[in-house]
């Protein structure tokens, strides 16, 4: 699947889907796994070899089991495995998904809600590879067609209300920034 095919597929699904009505989430603490990785790395250094795709990194990390399931349920595994793709993913942890209101995740994972799930996942994806050193405060357009607000305060970066807890996990098809809350399109 080419990057343009992904953009077209996401666009078709996003514009056909009804907006997800989900409440705002509380902040969640990040696991010790990420804290240990972040402390051992120099700025811009990746904790995962760049030979793995975004889908492979998510599937191999126990903190992304729900994200991996959501990517599979949305039919986007092949897209996030495509080495011709160059995207930035703000990846919520399992704890972030667990903070969703009860039943929300189960509903999103149903086949009939695939469009809403694709829209939600697309809201976590930015076209192009954006490392933490390239992040600037302001609005950033997502693959969902809506923008997120990035705030930078020293070493602290937030996307909407989610904190970036680990930055610059380099993948063969982009970069992952781990966040502690699910981003919700408004």
Protein backbone atom coordinates (compact mmCIF):
# COMPACT_ATOMS: atom_id res chain seq x y z
CA UNK A 1 0.00 0.00 0.00
CA UNK A 2 1.50 3.32 -1.04
CA UNK A 3 1.42 6.41 1.18
CA UNK A 4 -1.11 8.00 -1.17
CA UNK A 5 -3.29 4.89 -0.95
CA UNK A 6 -3.19 5.17 2.85
CA UNK A 7 -4.13 8.84 2.66
CA UNK A 8 -7.03 8.07 0.30
CA UNK A 9 -8.23 5.13 2.41
CA UNK A 10 -8.06 7.15 5.62
CA UNK A 11 -9.78 10.08 3.93
CA UNK A 12 -12.65 7.97 2.60
CA UNK A 13 -13.19 6.27 5.94
CA UNK A 14 -12.85 9.48 7.93
CA UNK A 15 -15.28 11.53 5.90
CA UNK A 16 -17.81 8.69 5.86
CA UNK A 17 -17.63 8.10 9.60
CA UNK A 18 -19.68 9.89 12.17
CA UNK A 19 -17.60 11.70 14.79
CA UNK A 20 -16.83 9.68 17.88
CA UNK A 21 -18.53 11.12 20.95
CA UNK A 22 -16.03 10.43 23.70
CA UNK A 23 -15.41 12.31 26.94
CA UNK A 24 -12.14 14.06 27.78
CA UNK A 25 -9.60 11.79 29.50
CA UNK A 26 -7.60 12.18 32.69
CA UNK A 27 -3.81 11.99 32.46
CA UNK A 28 -2.29 8.55 33.08
CA UNK A 29 1.12 7.63 34.44
CA UNK A 30 3.57 5.92 32.11
CA UNK A 31 5.14 2.56 32.85
CA UNK A 32 8.65 2.12 34.22
CA UNK A 33 9.62 0.53 30.89
CA UNK A 34 9.43 3.85 29.07
CA UNK A 35 10.99 5.82 31.90
CA UNK A 36 13.99 3.48 31.92
CA UNK A 37 14.33 3.71 28.14
CA UNK A 38 14.10 7.49 28.16
CA UNK A 39 16.75 7.85 30.88
CA UNK A 40 19.23 5.73 28.91
CA UNK A 41 18.91 7.63 25.64
CA UNK A 42 20.49 10.77 24.32
CA UNK A 43 18.08 13.31 22.78
CA UNK A 44 16.93 12.07 19.40
CA UNK A 45 18.28 8.56 20.00
CA UNK A 46 15.80 5.77 19.37
CA UNK A 47 15.17 2.88 21.78
CA UNK A 48 14.13 0.61 18.90
CA UNK A 49 16.10 -0.26 15.78
CA UNK A 50 14.86 1.62 12.73
CA UNK A 51 14.52 -1.66 10.81
CA UNK A 52 11.09 -2.23 12.37
CA UNK A 53 7.95 -0.62 11.04
CA UNK A 54 5.51 1.29 13.23
CA UNK A 55 3.19 -1.75 13.24
CA UNK A 56 6.04 -4.08 14.22
CA UNK A 57 7.20 -1.81 17.04
CA UNK A 58 3.66 -1.56 18.42
CA UNK A 59 3.09 -5.31 18.13
CA UNK A 60 6.34 -6.13 19.93
CA UNK A 61 5.75 -3.78 22.88
CA UNK A 62 3.52 -4.92 25.74
CA UNK A 63 2.50 -1.29 26.37
CA UNK A 64 0.85 -1.11 22.94
CA UNK A 65 -1.36 -4.23 22.99
CA UNK A 66 -4.57 -2.19 22.72
CA UNK A 67 -3.11 0.11 20.06
CA UNK A 68 -2.06 -2.96 18.07
CA UNK A 69 -5.55 -4.45 18.41
CA UNK A 70 -7.08 -1.15 17.28
CA UNK A 71 -4.78 -0.93 14.26
CA UNK A 72 -5.76 -4.50 13.32
CA UNK A 73 -9.49 -3.87 13.86
CA UNK A 74 -9.27 -0.75 11.68
CA UNK A 75 -7.57 -2.74 8.91
CA UNK A 76 -4.48 -0.51 9.02
CA UNK A 77 -1.75 -3.05 9.89
CA UNK A 78 -0.52 -3.24 6.32
CA UNK A 79 -0.48 0.55 6.03
CA UNK A 80 1.54 0.97 9.23
CA UNK A 81 3.94 -1.72 7.95
CA UNK A 82 4.58 0.06 4.65
CA UNK A 83 8.21 1.23 4.45
CA UNK A 84 7.26 3.80 1.80
CA UNK A 85 5.19 5.58 4.43
CA UNK A 86 6.69 8.47 6.41
CA UNK A 87 4.46 9.49 9.32
CA UNK A 88 4.62 10.57 12.93
CA UNK A 89 2.42 8.62 15.34
CA UNK A 90 1.40 9.90 18.76
CA UNK A 91 0.94 6.45 20.28
CA UNK A 92 -1.27 6.07 23.37
CA UNK A 93 -0.27 3.37 25.84
CA UNK A 94 -2.61 0.65 27.10
CA UNK A 95 -3.07 2.70 30.28
CA UNK A 96 -4.23 5.63 28.14
CA UNK A 97 -6.81 3.45 26.39
CA UNK A 98 -7.89 1.98 29.74
CA UNK A 99 -8.76 5.51 30.90
CA UNK A 100 -11.47 5.83 28.25
CA UNK A 101 -14.99 5.76 29.66
CA UNK A 102 -16.18 2.22 30.31
CA UNK A 103 -17.36 0.45 27.17
CA UNK A 104 -15.93 3.05 24.75
CA UNK A 105 -13.03 0.92 23.57
CA UNK A 106 -15.23 -2.18 23.18
CA UNK A 107 -17.64 -0.14 21.05
CA UNK A 108 -14.88 1.28 18.88
CA UNK A 109 -13.46 -2.19 18.21
CA UNK A 110 -16.78 -3.47 16.81
CA UNK A 111 -16.77 -4.02 13.04
CA UNK A 112 -19.69 -1.63 12.52
CA UNK A 113 -17.69 1.19 14.16
CA UNK A 114 -14.59 0.75 12.00
CA UNK A 115 -14.98 4.22 10.49
CA UNK A 116 -14.95 5.86 13.92
CA UNK A 117 -11.92 3.79 14.92
CA UNK A 118 -10.06 4.80 11.76
CA UNK A 119 -10.95 8.44 12.46
CA UNK A 120 -9.67 8.15 16.03
CA UNK A 121 -6.42 6.48 14.93
CA UNK A 122 -5.96 9.01 12.12
CA UNK A 123 -6.17 11.77 14.72
CA UNK A 124 -2.95 10.32 16.19
CA UNK A 125 -1.04 10.41 12.88
CA UNK A 126 0.76 13.34 11.26
CA UNK A 127 2.06 13.21 7.70
CA UNK A 128 5.86 13.19 7.58
CA UNK A 129 8.50 12.29 10.12
CA UNK A 130 8.65 14.87 12.91
CA UNK A 131 11.30 14.30 15.56
CA UNK A 132 11.05 15.94 18.98
CA UNK A 133 13.77 18.40 17.99
CA UNK A 134 11.49 19.55 15.14
CA UNK A 135 8.34 19.99 17.23
CA UNK A 136 7.13 23.53 17.64
CA UNK A 137 4.15 24.93 19.50
CA UNK A 138 1.03 25.37 17.44
CA UNK A 139 -1.63 23.52 15.49
CA UNK A 140 -0.59 20.47 13.48
CA UNK A 141 -2.84 18.82 10.89
CA UNK A 142 -3.51 15.11 11.36
CA UNK A 143 -4.45 12.39 8.90
CA UNK A 144 -8.00 12.65 10.30
CA UNK A 145 -8.35 16.09 8.76
CA UNK A 146 -8.50 17.82 12.15
CA UNK A 147 -5.59 19.47 13.89
CA UNK A 148 -4.00 18.84 17.27
CA UNK A 149 -2.45 21.52 19.45
CA UNK A 150 1.21 20.96 20.28
CA UNK A 151 2.65 22.79 23.28
CA UNK A 152 6.37 22.90 24.04
CA UNK A 153 7.61 24.07 27.44
CA UNK A 154 11.30 23.27 27.81
CA UNK A 155 11.60 19.49 27.69
CA UNK A 156 7.86 19.00 28.24
CA UNK A 157 5.74 18.44 25.13
CA UNK A 158 1.99 18.01 25.15
CA UNK A 159 -0.37 17.18 22.32
CA UNK A 160 -3.83 18.48 23.20
CA UNK A 161 -3.99 17.26 26.82
CA UNK A 162 -1.63 14.28 26.41
CA UNK A 163 1.97 14.37 27.58
CA UNK A 164 4.70 12.99 25.35
CA UNK A 165 6.41 10.61 27.74
CA UNK A 166 8.88 9.03 25.31
CA UNK A 167 9.92 10.75 22.10
CA UNK A 168 11.65 9.73 18.90
CA UNK A 169 11.13 5.99 18.67
CA UNK A 170 12.47 5.66 15.14
CA UNK A 171 10.72 3.24 12.81
CA UNK A 172 11.50 2.26 9.23
CA UNK A 173 8.43 4.24 8.14
CA UNK A 174 8.34 7.14 10.55
CA UNK A 175 8.64 8.02 14.19
CA UNK A 176 6.60 7.27 17.31
CA UNK A 177 6.07 9.61 20.25
CA UNK A 178 4.48 7.79 23.21
CA UNK A 179 1.65 9.71 24.87
CA UNK A 180 -0.21 9.14 28.12
CA UNK A 181 -3.76 9.85 26.92
CA UNK A 182 -5.88 9.07 23.89
CA UNK A 183 -6.31 12.10 21.64
CA UNK A 184 -9.96 12.86 20.98
CA UNK A 185 -11.18 14.76 17.93
CA UNK A 186 -13.43 17.59 18.99
